[in-house]
Amino acid sequence: MASDKAYLDFVLEQLGGLKDVSWRAMMGEYILYYQGKVIGGIYDDRFLVKPTPSALALMPDAPRELPYEGAKEMLMVEDIEDRELLERLFTAMVDELPAPKKKTKKKT
């Protein structure tokens, strides 16, 4: 089941206090980036984030969910209406995530 764009728009609205939040559509779902790093995404209308130490500390009781079959578990953000929590979550997580991989050009 693909995610609804209206759900993505709501999550982005909740994150409106942060600069440099972006997203990309991928196979009916949405990947969320903060400062160029993958934070999580919208999968089947569920807001999931990577289980970094900060995310686990801020949401110790968050359910662990699979975004899709064969993927690693992520944490489900249940209280998406808590803007303060979302901002603290993204701000805390960003330094724990790897830098984006450089794209290499194919030689022809």
C-alpha atoms as a PDB file:
ATOM      1  CA  MET A   1       0.000   0.000   0.000  1.00  0.00           C
ATOM      2  CA  ALA A   2       1.420   3.376  -0.971  1.00  0.00           C
ATOM      3  CA  SER A   3       1.479   6.292   1.442  1.00  0.00           C
ATOM      4  CA  ASP A   4      -0.886   9.209   1.051  1.00  0.00           C
ATOM      5  CA  LYS A   5       0.737  12.528   0.061  1.00  0.00           C
ATOM      6  CA  ALA A   6      -1.605  14.298   2.507  1.00  0.00           C
ATOM      7  CA  TYR A   7       0.009  12.358   5.384  1.00  0.00           C
ATOM      8  CA  LEU A   8       3.462  13.425   4.197  1.00  0.00           C
ATOM      9  CA  ASP A   9       2.262  17.034   3.973  1.00  0.00           C
ATOM     10  CA  PHE A  10       0.980  16.847   7.562  1.00  0.00           C
ATOM     11  CA  VAL A  11       4.287  15.462   8.866  1.00  0.00           C
ATOM     12  CA  LEU A  12       6.208  18.160   6.970  1.00  0.00           C
ATOM     13  CA  GLU A  13       3.918  20.808   8.441  1.00  0.00           C
ATOM     14  CA  GLN A  14       4.707  19.473  11.921  1.00  0.00           C
ATOM     15  CA  LEU A  15       8.421  19.768  11.102  1.00  0.00           C
ATOM     16  CA  GLY A  16       7.988  23.327   9.816  1.00  0.00           C
ATOM     17  CA  GLY A  17      10.103  24.798  12.619  1.00  0.00           C
ATOM     18  CA  LEU A  18      13.205  23.061  11.255  1.00  0.00           C
ATOM     19  CA  LYS A  19      15.167  24.300   8.284  1.00  0.00           C
ATOM     20  CA  ASP A  20      16.668  21.897   5.762  1.00  0.00           C
ATOM     21  CA  VAL A  21      14.021  19.154   5.939  1.00  0.00           C
ATOM     22  CA  SER A  22      13.492  17.567   2.537  1.00  0.00           C
ATOM     23  CA  TRP A  23      11.894  14.475   1.087  1.00  0.00           C
ATOM     24  CA  ARG A  24      11.960  12.239  -1.948  1.00  0.00           C
ATOM     25  CA  ALA A  25       9.287   9.943  -3.309  1.00  0.00           C
ATOM     26  CA  MET A  26      10.395   6.362  -3.727  1.00  0.00           C
ATOM     27  CA  MET A  27       8.155   3.534  -4.912  1.00  0.00           C
ATOM     28  CA  GLY A  28       4.979   4.976  -3.385  1.00  0.00           C
ATOM     29  CA  GLU A  29       6.648   5.926  -0.108  1.00  0.00           C
ATOM     30  CA  TYR A  30       8.585   9.007   1.055  1.00  0.00           C
ATOM     31  CA  ILE A  31      12.138   9.234   2.382  1.00  0.00           C
ATOM     32  CA  LEU A  32      12.747  12.119   4.814  1.00  0.00           C
ATOM     33  CA  TYR A  33      16.068  13.956   5.038  1.00  0.00           C
ATOM     34  CA  TYR A  34      17.375  16.435   7.563  1.00  0.00           C
ATOM     35  CA  GLN A  35      20.496  18.388   6.685  1.00  0.00           C
ATOM     36  CA  GLY A  36      21.034  15.982   3.799  1.00  0.00           C
ATOM     37  CA  LYS A  37      20.950  12.853   5.975  1.00  0.00           C
ATOM     38  CA  VAL A  38      18.275  10.158   5.861  1.00  0.00           C
ATOM     39  CA  ILE A  39      16.314  10.402   9.114  1.00  0.00           C
ATOM     40  CA  GLY A  40      13.477   8.059   8.233  1.00  0.00           C
ATOM     41  CA  GLY A  41      10.395   8.101   6.080  1.00  0.00           C
ATOM     42  CA  ILE A  42       6.706   7.623   5.544  1.00  0.00           C
ATOM     43  CA  TYR A  43       5.874   3.968   4.893  1.00  0.00           C
ATOM     44  CA  ASP A  44       2.268   2.798   4.571  1.00  0.00           C
ATOM     45  CA  ASP A  45       1.174   6.051   6.251  1.00  0.00           C
ATOM     46  CA  ARG A  46       3.459   5.407   9.236  1.00  0.00           C
ATOM     47  CA  PHE A  47       6.178   7.888  10.229  1.00  0.00           C
ATOM     48  CA  LEU A  48       9.280   5.790  10.942  1.00  0.00           C
ATOM     49  CA  VAL A  49      12.752   6.954  11.999  1.00  0.00           C
ATOM     50  CA  LYS A  50      16.092   5.217  12.311  1.00  0.00           C
ATOM     51  CA  PRO A  51      16.728   3.729  15.775  1.00  0.00           C
ATOM     52  CA  THR A  52      19.667   5.941  16.759  1.00  0.00           C
ATOM     53  CA  PRO A  53      20.658   6.205  20.435  1.00  0.00           C
ATOM     54  CA  SER A  54      18.967   9.620  20.659  1.00  0.00           C
ATOM     55  CA  ALA A  55      15.759   8.361  19.065  1.00  0.00           C
ATOM     56  CA  LEU A  56      15.686   5.441  21.491  1.00  0.00           C
ATOM     57  CA  ALA A  57      16.262   7.804  24.438  1.00  0.00           C
ATOM     58  CA  LEU A  58      13.525  10.232  23.346  1.00  0.00           C
ATOM     59  CA  MET A  59      11.023   7.490  22.457  1.00  0.00           C
ATOM     60  CA  PRO A  60      11.911   4.488  24.662  1.00  0.00           C
ATOM     61  CA  ASP A  61       8.498   2.864  24.252  1.00  0.00           C
ATOM     62  CA  ALA A  62       8.160   3.440  20.503  1.00  0.00           C
ATOM     63  CA  PRO A  63       7.055   0.376  18.580  1.00  0.00           C
ATOM     64  CA  ARG A  64       9.637  -1.135  16.258  1.00  0.00           C
ATOM     65  CA  GLU A  65       8.285  -1.589  12.757  1.00  0.00           C
ATOM     66  CA  LEU A  66       9.568  -2.830   9.421  1.00  0.00           C
ATOM     67  CA  PRO A  67       9.160  -0.182   6.726  1.00  0.00           C
ATOM     68  CA  TYR A  68       8.991  -2.941   4.106  1.00  0.00           C
ATOM     69  CA  GLU A  69       9.817  -6.615   3.876  1.00  0.00           C
ATOM     70  CA  GLY A  70      13.533  -7.300   4.212  1.00  0.00           C
ATOM     71  CA  ALA A  71      14.358  -3.906   5.758  1.00  0.00           C
ATOM     72  CA  LYS A  72      15.842  -3.170   9.167  1.00  0.00           C
ATOM     73  CA  GLU A  73      13.515  -2.237  12.007  1.00  0.00           C
ATOM     74  CA  MET A  74      12.746   1.407  12.553  1.00  0.00           C
ATOM     75  CA  LEU A  75      10.956   3.298  15.324  1.00  0.00           C
ATOM     76  CA  MET A  76       7.397   4.417  14.751  1.00  0.00           C
ATOM     77  CA  VAL A  77       6.687   8.003  15.754  1.00  0.00           C
ATOM     78  CA  GLU A  78       3.254   7.763  17.302  1.00  0.00           C
ATOM     79  CA  ASP A  79       2.790  11.326  18.545  1.00  0.00           C
ATOM     80  CA  ILE A  80       3.278  13.241  15.309  1.00  0.00           C
ATOM     81  CA  GLU A  81       1.302  16.162  16.698  1.00  0.00           C
ATOM     82  CA  ASP A  82       4.036  16.938  19.255  1.00  0.00           C
ATOM     83  CA  ARG A  83       6.099  19.454  17.241  1.00  0.00           C
ATOM     84  CA  GLU A  84       8.563  20.010  20.079  1.00  0.00           C
ATOM     85  CA  LEU A  85       9.338  16.294  20.288  1.00  0.00           C
ATOM     86  CA  LEU A  86       9.780  16.033  16.518  1.00  0.00           C
ATOM     87  CA  GLU A  87      12.181  18.972  16.447  1.00  0.00           C
ATOM     88  CA  ARG A  88      14.185  17.587  19.403  1.00  0.00           C
ATOM     89  CA  LEU A  89      14.207  14.170  17.745  1.00  0.00           C
ATOM     90  CA  PHE A  90      15.548  15.397  14.404  1.00  0.00           C
ATOM     91  CA  THR A  91      18.082  17.745  16.027  1.00  0.00           C
ATOM     92  CA  ALA A  92      19.411  14.980  18.272  1.00  0.00           C
ATOM     93  CA  MET A  93      19.509  12.317  15.566  1.00  0.00           C
ATOM     94  CA  VAL A  94      21.284  14.229  12.820  1.00  0.00           C
ATOM     95  CA  ASP A  95      24.766  14.026  14.356  1.00  0.00           C
ATOM     96  CA  GLU A  96      24.420  10.263  14.865  1.00  0.00           C
ATOM     97  CA  LEU A  97      23.638   9.522  11.233  1.00  0.00           C
ATOM     98  CA  PRO A  98      26.215   8.881   8.518  1.00  0.00           C
ATOM     99  CA  ALA A  99      26.965  11.530   5.936  1.00  0.00           C
ATOM    100  CA  PRO A 100      25.311  10.967   2.582  1.00  0.00           C
ATOM    101  CA  LYS A 101      27.275   8.826   0.161  1.00  0.00           C
ATOM    102  CA  LYS A 102      28.853  10.636  -2.745  1.00  0.00           C
ATOM    103  CA  LYS A 103      27.415   9.676  -6.083  1.00  0.00           C
ATOM    104  CA  THR A 104      29.996   8.439  -8.512  1.00  0.00           C
ATOM    105  CA  LYS A 105      29.708   9.067 -12.200  1.00  0.00           C
ATOM    106  CA  LYS A 106      29.688   6.042 -14.433  1.00  0.00           C
ATOM    107  CA  LYS A 107      32.523   5.884 -16.898  1.00  0.00           C
ATOM    108  CA  THR A 108      31.370   5.445 -20.449  1.00  0.00           C
END
